[in-house]
PDB file of N, CA and C in Angstrom:
ATOM      1  N   MET A   1     136.998 -70.203  30.341  1.00  0.00           N
ATOM      2  CA  MET A   1     137.709 -70.669  28.938  1.00  0.00           C
ATOM      3  C   MET A   1     137.598 -69.642  28.047  1.00  0.00           C
ATOM      4  N   LYS A   2     138.654 -69.129  27.224  1.00  0.00           N
ATOM      5  CA  LYS A   2     138.557 -68.265  26.191  1.00  0.00           C
ATOM      6  C   LYS A   2     137.976 -68.965  25.050  1.00  0.00           C
ATOM      7  N   ASN A   3     137.184 -68.166  24.332  1.00  0.00           N
ATOM      8  CA  ASN A   3     136.659 -68.536  22.996  1.00  0.00           C
ATOM      9  C   ASN A   3     137.724 -68.560  21.957  1.00  0.00           C
ATOM     10  N   GLN A   4     137.496 -69.444  20.910  1.00  0.00           N
ATOM     11  CA  GLN A   4     138.569 -69.695  19.897  1.00  0.00           C
ATOM     12  C   GLN A   4     138.046 -68.959  18.733  1.00  0.00           C
ATOM     13  N   SER A   5     139.078 -68.247  18.158  1.00  0.00           N
ATOM     14  CA  SER A   5     139.032 -67.509  16.836  1.00  0.00           C
ATOM     15  C   SER A   5     138.398 -68.505  15.729  1.00  0.00           C
ATOM     16  N   VAL A   6     137.510 -68.004  14.845  1.00  0.00           N
ATOM     17  CA  VAL A   6     137.065 -68.890  13.792  1.00  0.00           C
ATOM     18  C   VAL A   6     138.113 -68.833  12.706  1.00  0.00           C
ATOM     19  N   PHE A   7     138.573 -67.803  12.315  1.00  0.00           N
ATOM     20  CA  PHE A   7     139.653 -67.662  11.363  1.00  0.00           C
ATOM     21  C   PHE A   7     140.815 -66.920  11.835  1.00  0.00           C
ATOM     22  N   ASP A   8     141.825 -67.896  12.008  1.00  0.00           N
ATOM     23  CA  ASP A   8     143.189 -67.366  12.619  1.00  0.00           C
ATOM     24  C   ASP A   8     143.778 -66.295  11.591  1.00  0.00           C
ATOM     25  N   ASP A   9     143.574 -66.396  10.313  1.00  0.00           N
ATOM     26  CA  ASP A   9     144.188 -65.513   9.354  1.00  0.00           C
ATOM     27  C   ASP A   9     143.377 -64.286   8.972  1.00  0.00           C
ATOM     28  N   LEU A  10     142.373 -64.058   9.701  1.00  0.00           N
ATOM     29  CA  LEU A  10     141.475 -62.866   9.362  1.00  0.00           C
ATOM     30  C   LEU A  10     141.472 -61.948  10.425  1.00  0.00           C
ATOM     31  N   ASP A  11     141.919 -60.660  10.262  1.00  0.00           N
ATOM     32  CA  ASP A  11     141.924 -59.538  11.194  1.00  0.00           C
ATOM     33  C   ASP A  11     140.796 -58.701  10.967  1.00  0.00           C
ATOM     34  N   LEU A  12     139.853 -58.665  12.044  1.00  0.00           N
ATOM     35  CA  LEU A  12     138.709 -57.882  11.878  1.00  0.00           C
ATOM     36  C   LEU A  12     138.834 -56.512  12.686  1.00  0.00           C
ATOM     37  N   ASN A  13     139.983 -56.363  13.371  1.00  0.00           N
ATOM     38  CA  ASN A  13     140.026 -55.146  14.186  1.00  0.00           C
ATOM     39  C   ASN A  13     139.760 -53.873  13.535  1.00  0.00           C
ATOM     40  N   ASP A  14     138.967 -53.007  14.101  1.00  0.00           N
ATOM     41  CA  ASP A  14     138.539 -51.788  13.482  1.00  0.00           C
ATOM     42  C   ASP A  14     137.739 -51.879  12.177  1.00  0.00           C
ATOM     43  N   GLY A  15     137.220 -52.993  11.841  1.00  0.00           N
ATOM     44  CA  GLY A  15     136.361 -53.122  10.728  1.00  0.00           C
ATOM     45  C   GLY A  15     135.066 -52.539  10.889  1.00  0.00           C
ATOM     46  N   THR A  16     134.348 -52.318   9.926  1.00  0.00           N
ATOM     47  CA  THR A  16     133.090 -51.738   9.965  1.00  0.00           C
ATOM     48  C   THR A  16     132.021 -52.615   9.195  1.00  0.00           C
ATOM     49  N   PHE A  17     130.770 -52.582   9.782  1.00  0.00           N
ATOM     50  CA  PHE A  17     129.807 -53.568   9.259  1.00  0.00           C
ATOM     51  C   PHE A  17     129.352 -52.838   8.095  1.00  0.00           C
ATOM     52  N   LEU A  18     129.006 -53.469   7.073  1.00  0.00           N
ATOM     53  CA  LEU A  18     128.380 -52.876   5.801  1.00  0.00           C
ATOM     54  C   LEU A  18     126.915 -53.378   5.638  1.00  0.00           C
ATOM     55  N   SER A  19     126.820 -54.737   5.554  1.00  0.00           N
ATOM     56  CA  SER A  19     125.398 -55.222   5.222  1.00  0.00           C
ATOM     57  C   SER A  19     125.309 -56.618   5.711  1.00  0.00           C
ATOM     58  N   LEU A  20     124.171 -57.015   5.707  1.00  0.00           N
ATOM     59  CA  LEU A  20     123.737 -58.432   6.133  1.00  0.00           C
ATOM     60  C   LEU A  20     122.506 -58.945   5.164  1.00  0.00           C
ATOM     61  N   THR A  21     122.617 -60.189   4.738  1.00  0.00           N
ATOM     62  CA  THR A  21     121.595 -60.684   3.912  1.00  0.00           C
ATOM     63  C   THR A  21     121.485 -62.206   4.390  1.00  0.00           C
ATOM     64  N   VAL A  22     120.225 -62.698   4.209  1.00  0.00           N
ATOM     65  CA  VAL A  22     119.906 -64.117   4.426  1.00  0.00           C
ATOM     66  C   VAL A  22     119.161 -64.662   3.254  1.00  0.00           C
ATOM     67  N   LYS A  23     119.686 -65.781   2.754  1.00  0.00           N
ATOM     68  CA  LYS A  23     118.881 -66.423   1.481  1.00  0.00           C
ATOM     69  C   LYS A  23     119.271 -67.854   1.641  1.00  0.00           C
ATOM     70  N   ASN A  24     118.267 -68.690   1.540  1.00  0.00           N
ATOM     71  CA  ASN A  24     118.438 -70.249   1.517  1.00  0.00           C
ATOM     72  C   ASN A  24     119.308 -70.789   2.639  1.00  0.00           C
ATOM     73  N   GLU A  25     118.997 -70.300   3.820  1.00  0.00           N
ATOM     74  CA  GLU A  25     119.717 -70.823   5.035  1.00  0.00           C
ATOM     75  C   GLU A  25     121.388 -70.371   5.065  1.00  0.00           C
ATOM     76  N   ILE A  26     121.623 -69.373   4.362  1.00  0.00           N
ATOM     77  CA  ILE A  26     122.836 -68.797   4.309  1.00  0.00           C
ATOM     78  C   ILE A  26     122.805 -67.370   4.772  1.00  0.00           C
ATOM     79  N   LEU A  27     123.659 -66.943   5.751  1.00  0.00           N
ATOM     80  CA  LEU A  27     123.737 -65.622   6.324  1.00  0.00           C
ATOM     81  C   LEU A  27     125.130 -65.119   5.701  1.00  0.00           C
ATOM     82  N   SER A  28     124.948 -63.923   5.056  1.00  0.00           N
ATOM     83  CA  SER A  28     126.107 -63.205   4.516  1.00  0.00           C
ATOM     84  C   SER A  28     126.287 -61.984   5.109  1.00  0.00           C
ATOM     85  N   ILE A  29     127.521 -61.641   5.645  1.00  0.00           N
ATOM     86  CA  ILE A  29     127.785 -60.329   6.099  1.00  0.00           C
ATOM     87  C   ILE A  29     128.999 -59.752   5.339  1.00  0.00           C
ATOM     88  N   ASN A  30     128.848 -58.403   5.012  1.00  0.00           N
ATOM     89  CA  ASN A  30     129.886 -57.662   4.359  1.00  0.00           C
ATOM     90  C   ASN A  30     130.575 -56.844   5.431  1.00  0.00           C
ATOM     91  N   ILE A  31     131.821 -56.868   5.285  1.00  0.00           N
ATOM     92  CA  ILE A  31     132.619 -55.931   6.361  1.00  0.00           C
ATOM     93  C   ILE A  31     133.720 -55.238   5.519  1.00  0.00           C
ATOM     94  N   ASN A  32     133.923 -53.974   5.971  1.00  0.00           N
ATOM     95  CA  ASN A  32     135.058 -53.159   5.394  1.00  0.00           C
ATOM     96  C   ASN A  32     136.139 -53.271   6.490  1.00  0.00           C
ATOM     97  N   ARG A  33     137.245 -53.872   6.138  1.00  0.00           N
ATOM     98  CA  ARG A  33     138.274 -54.017   7.124  1.00  0.00           C
ATOM     99  C   ARG A  33     139.033 -52.710   7.311  1.00  0.00           C
ATOM    100  N   TRP A  34     139.908 -52.639   8.383  1.00  0.00           N
ATOM    101  CA  TRP A  34     140.635 -51.442   8.740  1.00  0.00           C
ATOM    102  C   TRP A  34     141.442 -50.829   7.529  1.00  0.00           C
ATOM    103  N   ASN A  35     141.851 -51.761   6.559  1.00  0.00           N
ATOM    104  CA  ASN A  35     142.778 -51.407   5.555  1.00  0.00           C
ATOM    105  C   ASN A  35     141.984 -51.076   4.192  1.00  0.00           C
ATOM    106  N   ASN A  36     140.676 -50.913   4.410  1.00  0.00           N
ATOM    107  CA  ASN A  36     139.614 -50.686   3.394  1.00  0.00           C
ATOM    108  C   ASN A  36     139.335 -51.821   2.434  1.00  0.00           C
ATOM    109  N   GLU A  37     139.879 -53.026   2.685  1.00  0.00           N
ATOM    110  CA  GLU A  37     139.562 -54.145   2.091  1.00  0.00           C
ATOM    111  C   GLU A  37     138.102 -54.704   2.337  1.00  0.00           C
ATOM    112  N   LYS A  38     137.275 -55.191   1.494  1.00  0.00           N
ATOM    113  CA  LYS A  38     135.990 -55.667   1.837  1.00  0.00           C
ATOM    114  C   LYS A  38     136.024 -57.111   1.772  1.00  0.00           C
ATOM    115  N   ILE A  39     135.404 -57.678   2.741  1.00  0.00           N
ATOM    116  CA  ILE A  39     135.153 -59.155   2.836  1.00  0.00           C
ATOM    117  C   ILE A  39     133.658 -59.518   3.023  1.00  0.00           C
ATOM    118  N   THR A  40     133.337 -60.806   2.671  1.00  0.00           N
ATOM    119  CA  THR A  40     132.162 -61.286   2.895  1.00  0.00           C
ATOM    120  C   THR A  40     132.394 -62.629   3.698  1.00  0.00           C
ATOM    121  N   ILE A  41     131.636 -62.705   4.893  1.00  0.00           N
ATOM    122  CA  ILE A  41     131.674 -63.867   5.711  1.00  0.00           C
ATOM    123  C   ILE A  41     130.254 -64.592   5.566  1.00  0.00           C
ATOM    124  N   CYS A  42     130.367 -65.748   5.185  1.00  0.00           N
ATOM    125  CA  CYS A  42     129.008 -66.611   4.939  1.00  0.00           C
ATOM    126  C   CYS A  42     129.076 -67.629   6.046  1.00  0.00           C
ATOM    127  N   PHE A  43     127.684 -67.870   6.464  1.00  0.00           N
ATOM    128  CA  PHE A  43     127.446 -68.903   7.490  1.00  0.00           C
ATOM    129  C   PHE A  43     126.400 -69.771   6.940  1.00  0.00           C
ATOM    130  N   TYR A  44     126.739 -71.020   6.653  1.00  0.00           N
ATOM    131  CA  TYR A  44     125.837 -71.990   6.023  1.00  0.00           C
ATOM    132  C   TYR A  44     125.008 -72.892   6.968  1.00  0.00           C
ATOM    133  N   GLY A  45     123.951 -73.252   6.614  1.00  0.00           N
ATOM    134  CA  GLY A  45     123.098 -74.092   7.405  1.00  0.00           C
ATOM    135  C   GLY A  45     122.691 -73.335   8.599  1.00  0.00           C
ATOM    136  N   LEU A  46     122.218 -71.993   8.397  1.00  0.00           N
ATOM    137  CA  LEU A  46     121.691 -71.113   9.352  1.00  0.00           C
ATOM    138  C   LEU A  46     120.585 -71.697  10.071  1.00  0.00           C
ATOM    139  N   LEU A  47     120.691 -71.642  11.290  1.00  0.00           N
ATOM    140  CA  LEU A  47     119.641 -72.028  12.266  1.00  0.00           C
ATOM    141  C   LEU A  47     118.853 -70.788  13.060  1.00  0.00           C
ATOM    142  N   ARG A  48     119.761 -69.735  13.473  1.00  0.00           N
ATOM    143  CA  ARG A  48     119.271 -68.821  14.265  1.00  0.00           C
ATOM    144  C   ARG A  48     120.430 -67.841  14.268  1.00  0.00           C
ATOM    145  N   PHE A  49     120.042 -66.397  14.220  1.00  0.00           N
ATOM    146  CA  PHE A  49     120.954 -65.301  14.555  1.00  0.00           C
ATOM    147  C   PHE A  49     120.149 -64.243  15.309  1.00  0.00           C
ATOM    148  N   THR A  50     121.052 -63.405  15.899  1.00  0.00           N
ATOM    149  CA  THR A  50     120.453 -62.132  16.548  1.00  0.00           C
ATOM    150  C   THR A  50     121.541 -61.048  15.978  1.00  0.00           C
ATOM    151  N   PHE A  51     120.960 -59.825  15.900  1.00  0.00           N
ATOM    152  CA  PHE A  51     121.824 -58.753  15.468  1.00  0.00           C
ATOM    153  C   PHE A  51     121.677 -57.578  16.416  1.00  0.00           C
ATOM    154  N   ASN A  52     122.801 -56.876  16.941  1.00  0.00           N
ATOM    155  CA  ASN A  52     122.762 -55.654  17.481  1.00  0.00           C
ATOM    156  C   ASN A  52     123.574 -54.614  16.711  1.00  0.00           C
ATOM    157  N   THR A  53     123.252 -53.329  16.911  1.00  0.00           N
ATOM    158  CA  THR A  53     123.807 -52.463  16.211  1.00  0.00           C
ATOM    159  C   THR A  53     125.202 -52.354  16.444  1.00  0.00           C
ATOM    160  N   PRO A  54     126.077 -52.332  15.573  1.00  0.00           N
ATOM    161  CA  PRO A  54     127.525 -52.491  15.792  1.00  0.00           C
ATOM    162  C   PRO A  54     128.282 -51.188  16.015  1.00  0.00           C
ATOM    163  N   ASP A  55     129.435 -51.342  16.652  1.00  0.00           N
ATOM    164  CA  ASP A  55     130.469 -50.386  16.781  1.00  0.00           C
ATOM    165  C   ASP A  55     131.547 -50.775  15.817  1.00  0.00           C
ATOM    166  N   CYS A  56     132.756 -50.437  15.923  1.00  0.00           N
ATOM    167  CA  CYS A  56     133.903 -50.947  15.154  1.00  0.00           C
ATOM    168  C   CYS A  56     134.074 -52.484  15.624  1.00  0.00           C
ATOM    169  N   LEU A  57     134.211 -53.208  14.735  1.00  0.00           N
ATOM    170  CA  LEU A  57     134.264 -54.703  14.761  1.00  0.00           C
ATOM    171  C   LEU A  57     135.591 -55.115  15.371  1.00  0.00           C
ATOM    172  N   CYS A  58     135.724 -56.212  15.888  1.00  0.00           N
ATOM    173  CA  CYS A  58     136.944 -56.720  16.510  1.00  0.00           C
ATOM    174  C   CYS A  58     137.230 -58.110  16.188  1.00  0.00           C
ATOM    175  N   GLU A  59     136.377 -58.988  16.366  1.00  0.00           N
ATOM    176  CA  GLU A  59     136.828 -60.545  16.256  1.00  0.00           C
ATOM    177  C   GLU A  59     135.489 -61.350  15.990  1.00  0.00           C
ATOM    178  N   LEU A  60     135.768 -62.507  15.527  1.00  0.00           N
ATOM    179  CA  LEU A  60     134.765 -63.566  15.168  1.00  0.00           C
ATOM    180  C   LEU A  60     135.283 -64.911  16.026  1.00  0.00           C
ATOM    181  N   ASN A  61     134.388 -65.332  17.015  1.00  0.00           N
ATOM    182  CA  ASN A  61     134.766 -66.459  17.705  1.00  0.00           C
ATOM    183  C   ASN A  61     133.805 -67.543  17.717  1.00  0.00           C
ATOM    184  N   TYR A  62     134.213 -68.758  18.063  1.00  0.00           N
ATOM    185  CA  TYR A  62     133.321 -69.846  18.473  1.00  0.00           C
ATOM    186  C   TYR A  62     133.016 -69.679  19.942  1.00  0.00           C
ATOM    187  N   VAL A  63     131.766 -69.773  20.292  1.00  0.00           N
ATOM    188  CA  VAL A  63     131.385 -69.946  21.674  1.00  0.00           C
ATOM    189  C   VAL A  63     131.669 -71.305  22.196  1.00  0.00           C
ATOM    190  N   SER A  64     132.643 -71.637  23.060  1.00  0.00           N
ATOM    191  CA  SER A  64     132.856 -72.926  23.320  1.00  0.00           C
ATOM    192  C   SER A  64     131.911 -73.691  24.247  1.00  0.00           C
ATOM    193  N   LEU A  65     131.223 -73.080  25.107  1.00  0.00           N
ATOM    194  CA  LEU A  65     130.218 -73.724  25.962  1.00  0.00           C
ATOM    195  C   LEU A  65     128.813 -73.772  25.432  1.00  0.00           C
ATOM    196  N   LEU A  66     127.986 -74.576  25.923  1.00  0.00           N
ATOM    197  CA  LEU A  66     126.637 -74.651  25.555  1.00  0.00           C
ATOM    198  C   LEU A  66     125.912 -73.430  26.146  1.00  0.00           C
ATOM    199  N   SER A  67     125.735 -72.449  25.286  1.00  0.00           N
ATOM    200  CA  SER A  67     125.019 -71.235  25.638  1.00  0.00           C
ATOM    201  C   SER A  67     123.528 -71.343  25.801  1.00  0.00           C
ATOM    202  N   LYS A  68     122.960 -70.344  26.335  1.00  0.00           N
ATOM    203  CA  LYS A  68     121.380 -70.370  26.467  1.00  0.00           C
ATOM    204  C   LYS A  68     120.936 -70.025  24.962  1.00  0.00           C
ATOM    205  N   PHE A  69     121.666 -69.298  24.203  1.00  0.00           N
ATOM    206  CA  PHE A  69     121.264 -69.025  22.827  1.00  0.00           C
ATOM    207  C   PHE A  69     121.285 -70.310  21.951  1.00  0.00           C
ATOM    208  N   MET A  70     122.306 -71.109  22.167  1.00  0.00           N
ATOM    209  CA  MET A  70     122.488 -72.411  21.553  1.00  0.00           C
ATOM    210  C   MET A  70     121.429 -73.406  21.906  1.00  0.00           C
ATOM    211  N   LYS A  71     121.182 -73.383  23.133  1.00  0.00           N
ATOM    212  CA  LYS A  71     120.082 -74.257  23.769  1.00  0.00           C
ATOM    213  C   LYS A  71     118.703 -73.867  23.164  1.00  0.00           C
ATOM    214  N   GLU A  72     118.410 -72.715  22.956  1.00  0.00           N
ATOM    215  CA  GLU A  72     117.208 -72.373  22.460  1.00  0.00           C
ATOM    216  C   GLU A  72     116.994 -72.703  20.997  1.00  0.00           C
ATOM    217  N   ALA A  73     118.156 -72.542  20.228  1.00  0.00           N
ATOM    218  CA  ALA A  73     118.154 -72.785  18.864  1.00  0.00           C
ATOM    219  C   ALA A  73     118.040 -74.284  18.636  1.00  0.00           C
ATOM    220  N   LEU A  74     118.703 -75.045  19.436  1.00  0.00           N
ATOM    221  CA  LEU A  74     118.674 -76.576  19.329  1.00  0.00           C
ATOM    222  C   LEU A  74     117.163 -77.111  19.644  1.00  0.00           C
ATOM    223  N   ALA A  75     116.688 -76.426  20.734  1.00  0.00           N
ATOM    224  CA  ALA A  75     115.222 -76.831  21.251  1.00  0.00           C
ATOM    225  C   ALA A  75     114.285 -76.479  20.098  1.00  0.00           C
ATOM    226  N   HIS A  76     114.554 -75.311  19.296  1.00  0.00           N
ATOM    227  CA  HIS A  76     113.623 -75.153  18.114  1.00  0.00           C
ATOM    228  C   HIS A  76     113.695 -76.267  17.150  1.00  0.00           C
ATOM    229  N   ARG A  77     114.938 -76.521  16.963  1.00  0.00           N
ATOM    230  CA  ARG A  77     115.352 -77.482  15.803  1.00  0.00           C
ATOM    231  C   ARG A  77     115.007 -78.895  16.088  1.00  0.00           C
ATOM    232  N   TYR A  78     115.261 -79.497  17.300  1.00  0.00           N
ATOM    233  CA  TYR A  78     114.962 -80.785  17.691  1.00  0.00           C
ATOM    234  C   TYR A  78     114.006 -80.839  18.740  1.00  0.00           C
ATOM    235  N   ALA A  79     113.243 -81.971  18.802  1.00  0.00           N
ATOM    236  CA  ALA A  79     112.322 -82.144  19.964  1.00  0.00           C
ATOM    237  C   ALA A  79     112.996 -82.232  21.245  1.00  0.00           C
ATOM    238  N   LYS A  80     114.279 -82.841  21.355  1.00  0.00           N
ATOM    239  CA  LYS A  80     115.058 -82.798  22.547  1.00  0.00           C
ATOM    240  C   LYS A  80     116.421 -82.387  22.204  1.00  0.00           C
ATOM    241  N   ILE A  81     117.125 -81.608  23.040  1.00  0.00           N
ATOM    242  CA  ILE A  81     118.419 -81.248  22.853  1.00  0.00           C
ATOM    243  C   ILE A  81     119.347 -82.332  22.909  1.00  0.00           C
ATOM    244  N   PRO A  82     120.188 -82.646  21.884  1.00  0.00           N
ATOM    245  CA  PRO A  82     121.013 -83.756  21.882  1.00  0.00           C
ATOM    246  C   PRO A  82     122.361 -83.591  22.706  1.00  0.00           C
ATOM    247  N   THR A  83     122.154 -83.777  23.926  1.00  0.00           N
ATOM    248  CA  THR A  83     123.424 -83.666  24.952  1.00  0.00           C
ATOM    249  C   THR A  83     123.638 -85.020  25.687  1.00  0.00           C
ATOM    250  N   GLU A  84     124.796 -85.158  26.196  1.00  0.00           N
ATOM    251  CA  GLU A  84     125.131 -86.290  27.118  1.00  0.00           C
ATOM    252  C   GLU A  84     125.123 -85.715  28.503  1.00  0.00           C
ATOM    253  N   PRO A  85     124.717 -86.529  29.456  1.00  0.00           N
ATOM    254  CA  PRO A  85     124.804 -85.882  30.895  1.00  0.00           C
ATOM    255  C   PRO A  85     126.152 -85.460  31.262  1.00  0.00           C
ATOM    256  N   ASN A  86     126.255 -84.460  32.186  1.00  0.00           N
ATOM    257  CA  ASN A  86     127.392 -83.951  32.756  1.00  0.00           C
ATOM    258  C   ASN A  86     128.542 -83.355  31.774  1.00  0.00           C
ATOM    259  N   LEU A  87     128.058 -83.072  30.512  1.00  0.00           N
ATOM    260  CA  LEU A  87     129.000 -82.453  29.668  1.00  0.00           C
ATOM    261  C   LEU A  87     128.481 -81.036  29.330  1.00  0.00           C
ATOM    262  N   ASN A  88     129.357 -80.203  29.037  1.00  0.00           N
ATOM    263  CA  ASN A  88     129.022 -78.739  28.709  1.00  0.00           C
ATOM    264  C   ASN A  88     128.544 -78.445  27.244  1.00  0.00           C
ATOM    265  N   PHE A  89     128.723 -79.531  26.453  1.00  0.00           N
ATOM    266  CA  PHE A  89     128.368 -79.185  25.000  1.00  0.00           C
ATOM    267  C   PHE A  89     127.500 -80.377  24.423  1.00  0.00           C
ATOM    268  N   PRO A  90     126.826 -79.952  23.340  1.00  0.00           N
ATOM    269  CA  PRO A  90     126.086 -81.047  22.761  1.00  0.00           C
ATOM    270  C   PRO A  90     126.958 -81.896  21.741  1.00  0.00           C
ATOM    271  N   LEU A  91     126.697 -83.052  21.631  1.00  0.00           N
ATOM    272  CA  LEU A  91     127.608 -83.928  20.883  1.00  0.00           C
ATOM    273  C   LEU A  91     127.243 -84.271  19.366  1.00  0.00           C
ATOM    274  N   ASP A  92     125.920 -84.539  19.208  1.00  0.00           N
ATOM    275  CA  ASP A  92     125.637 -85.134  18.006  1.00  0.00           C
ATOM    276  C   ASP A  92     124.734 -84.230  17.027  1.00  0.00           C
ATOM    277  N   HIS A  93     125.084 -83.016  16.789  1.00  0.00           N
ATOM    278  CA  HIS A  93     124.448 -82.159  15.902  1.00  0.00           C
ATOM    279  C   HIS A  93     125.617 -81.363  15.174  1.00  0.00           C
ATOM    280  N   PRO A  94     125.246 -80.771  13.989  1.00  0.00           N
ATOM    281  CA  PRO A  94     126.261 -80.095  13.166  1.00  0.00           C
ATOM    282  C   PRO A  94     126.482 -78.612  13.472  1.00  0.00           C
ATOM    283  N   TYR A  95     125.725 -78.061  14.408  1.00  0.00           N
ATOM    284  CA  TYR A  95     125.835 -76.684  14.674  1.00  0.00           C
ATOM    285  C   TYR A  95     126.920 -76.123  15.540  1.00  0.00           C
ATOM    286  N   HIS A  96     127.424 -74.867  15.139  1.00  0.00           N
ATOM    287  CA  HIS A  96     128.293 -74.237  15.996  1.00  0.00           C
ATOM    288  C   HIS A  96     127.720 -72.784  16.446  1.00  0.00           C
ATOM    289  N   HIS A  97     128.112 -72.292  17.564  1.00  0.00           N
ATOM    290  CA  HIS A  97     127.727 -70.983  17.944  1.00  0.00           C
ATOM    291  C   HIS A  97     128.849 -69.966  17.716  1.00  0.00           C
ATOM    292  N   TYR A  98     128.470 -69.088  16.782  1.00  0.00           N
ATOM    293  CA  TYR A  98     129.527 -67.974  16.331  1.00  0.00           C
ATOM    294  C   TYR A  98     129.099 -66.692  16.999  1.00  0.00           C
ATOM    295  N   GLN A  99     130.093 -65.815  17.357  1.00  0.00           N
ATOM    296  CA  GLN A  99     129.797 -64.482  17.876  1.00  0.00           C
ATOM    297  C   GLN A  99     130.865 -63.571  17.356  1.00  0.00           C
ATOM    298  N   LEU A 100     130.213 -62.478  16.663  1.00  0.00           N
ATOM    299  CA  LEU A 100     130.948 -61.404  16.239  1.00  0.00           C
ATOM    300  C   LEU A 100     131.000 -60.289  17.289  1.00  0.00           C
ATOM    301  N   LEU A 101     132.136 -59.932  17.639  1.00  0.00           N
ATOM    302  CA  LEU A 101     132.390 -58.928  18.793  1.00  0.00           C
ATOM    303  C   LEU A 101     132.702 -57.551  18.203  1.00  0.00           C
ATOM    304  N   ASP A 102     132.379 -56.380  18.924  1.00  0.00           N
ATOM    305  CA  ASP A 102     132.994 -55.258  18.687  1.00  0.00           C
ATOM    306  C   ASP A 102     134.132 -54.766  19.534  1.00  0.00           C
ATOM    307  N   VAL A 103     134.698 -53.698  19.359  1.00  0.00           N
ATOM    308  CA  VAL A 103     136.016 -53.414  19.965  1.00  0.00           C
ATOM    309  C   VAL A 103     135.869 -53.306  21.529  1.00  0.00           C
ATOM    310  N   SER A 104     134.600 -53.130  21.939  1.00  0.00           N
ATOM    311  CA  SER A 104     134.331 -53.048  23.429  1.00  0.00           C
ATOM    312  C   SER A 104     134.102 -54.317  23.994  1.00  0.00           C
ATOM    313  N   GLY A 105     134.010 -55.451  23.180  1.00  0.00           N
ATOM    314  CA  GLY A 105     133.691 -56.822  23.610  1.00  0.00           C
ATOM    315  C   GLY A 105     132.131 -57.240  23.586  1.00  0.00           C
ATOM    316  N   ASN A 106     131.453 -56.308  23.057  1.00  0.00           N
ATOM    317  CA  ASN A 106     129.996 -56.355  22.990  1.00  0.00           C
ATOM    318  C   ASN A 106     129.634 -57.351  21.754  1.00  0.00           C
ATOM    319  N   SER A 107     128.658 -58.066  22.027  1.00  0.00           N
ATOM    320  CA  SER A 107     128.192 -58.930  20.766  1.00  0.00           C
ATOM    321  C   SER A 107     127.366 -58.119  19.776  1.00  0.00           C
ATOM    322  N   VAL A 108     127.926 -58.286  18.561  1.00  0.00           N
ATOM    323  CA  VAL A 108     127.175 -57.605  17.324  1.00  0.00           C
ATOM    324  C   VAL A 108     126.292 -58.508  16.705  1.00  0.00           C
ATOM    325  N   LEU A 109     126.845 -59.918  16.524  1.00  0.00           N
ATOM    326  CA  LEU A 109     125.970 -60.963  15.954  1.00  0.00           C
ATOM    327  C   LEU A 109     126.167 -62.144  16.821  1.00  0.00           C
ATOM    328  N   GLU A 110     125.177 -62.965  17.053  1.00  0.00           N
ATOM    329  CA  GLU A 110     125.080 -64.163  17.637  1.00  0.00           C
ATOM    330  C   GLU A 110     124.667 -65.185  16.465  1.00  0.00           C
ATOM    331  N   ILE A 111     125.317 -66.095  16.077  1.00  0.00           N
ATOM    332  CA  ILE A 111     124.870 -66.895  14.890  1.00  0.00           C
ATOM    333  C   ILE A 111     125.016 -68.425  15.252  1.00  0.00           C
ATOM    334  N   ILE A 112     123.975 -69.217  15.045  1.00  0.00           N
ATOM    335  CA  ILE A 112     123.951 -70.625  15.068  1.00  0.00           C
ATOM    336  C   ILE A 112     123.856 -71.170  13.673  1.00  0.00           C
ATOM    337  N   ALA A 113     124.996 -71.848  13.238  1.00  0.00           N
ATOM    338  CA  ALA A 113     125.010 -72.236  11.886  1.00  0.00           C
ATOM    339  C   ALA A 113     125.907 -73.531  11.798  1.00  0.00           C
ATOM    340  N   GLU A 114     125.977 -74.225  10.781  1.00  0.00           N
ATOM    341  CA  GLU A 114     126.786 -75.411  10.584  1.00  0.00           C
ATOM    342  C   GLU A 114     128.216 -75.122  10.256  1.00  0.00           C
ATOM    343  N   THR A 115     128.461 -74.305   9.251  1.00  0.00           N
ATOM    344  CA  THR A 115     129.939 -73.816   8.876  1.00  0.00           C
ATOM    345  C   THR A 115     129.944 -72.437   8.466  1.00  0.00           C
ATOM    346  N   ALA A 116     131.221 -71.959   8.378  1.00  0.00           N
ATOM    347  CA  ALA A 116     131.417 -70.602   7.991  1.00  0.00           C
ATOM    348  C   ALA A 116     132.734 -70.513   7.134  1.00  0.00           C
ATOM    349  N   ASN A 117     132.713 -69.453   6.173  1.00  0.00           N
ATOM    350  CA  ASN A 117     133.947 -69.162   5.531  1.00  0.00           C
ATOM    351  C   ASN A 117     133.803 -67.809   5.114  1.00  0.00           C
ATOM    352  N   TYR A 118     135.033 -67.248   4.463  1.00  0.00           N
ATOM    353  CA  TYR A 118     135.101 -65.817   4.084  1.00  0.00           C
ATOM    354  C   TYR A 118     135.840 -65.701   2.800  1.00  0.00           C
ATOM    355  N   LYS A 119     135.453 -64.558   2.158  1.00  0.00           N
ATOM    356  CA  LYS A 119     136.271 -64.250   0.909  1.00  0.00           C
ATOM    357  C   LYS A 119     136.405 -62.786   0.800  1.00  0.00           C
ATOM    358  N   GLU A 120     137.600 -62.371   0.155  1.00  0.00           N
ATOM    359  CA  GLU A 120     137.892 -60.987   0.035  1.00  0.00           C
ATOM    360  C   GLU A 120     137.118 -60.543  -1.285  1.00  0.00           C
ATOM    361  N   LEU A 121     136.478 -59.439  -1.312  1.00  0.00           N
ATOM    362  CA  LEU A 121     135.893 -58.916  -2.359  1.00  0.00           C
ATOM    363  C   LEU A 121     136.866 -58.018  -3.171  1.00  0.00           C
ATOM    364  N   VAL A 122     136.752 -58.261  -4.516  1.00  0.00           N
ATOM    365  CA  VAL A 122     137.605 -57.376  -5.341  1.00  0.00           C
ATOM    366  C   VAL A 122     136.836 -56.167  -5.930  1.00  0.00           C
TER     367      VAL A 122
END
């Protein structure tokens, strides 16, 4: 199953990573887009993230299946992972698994958070 794009109207192809900050359970990443526009993507209700040295950026997706990374984050947050038998995803928690990919399809950021949004910087 193909992962779904988080923001259909946001083109990250050939973008470059500028910075990352974490404050009060909010992860903010600053990106310079291919057309030199700068944007900030914020992830709210941050539970966990990992960062790898980026190449040119490509896309931000939801990871649709219950990944090992999500399971580990949920196990850290809850005493028991809230899942139903025989299903591939947890049902009763607010978290999503986000994945920022580079142009080669490699993961730059893996993020477990409740919500995400972005804004263009002027």
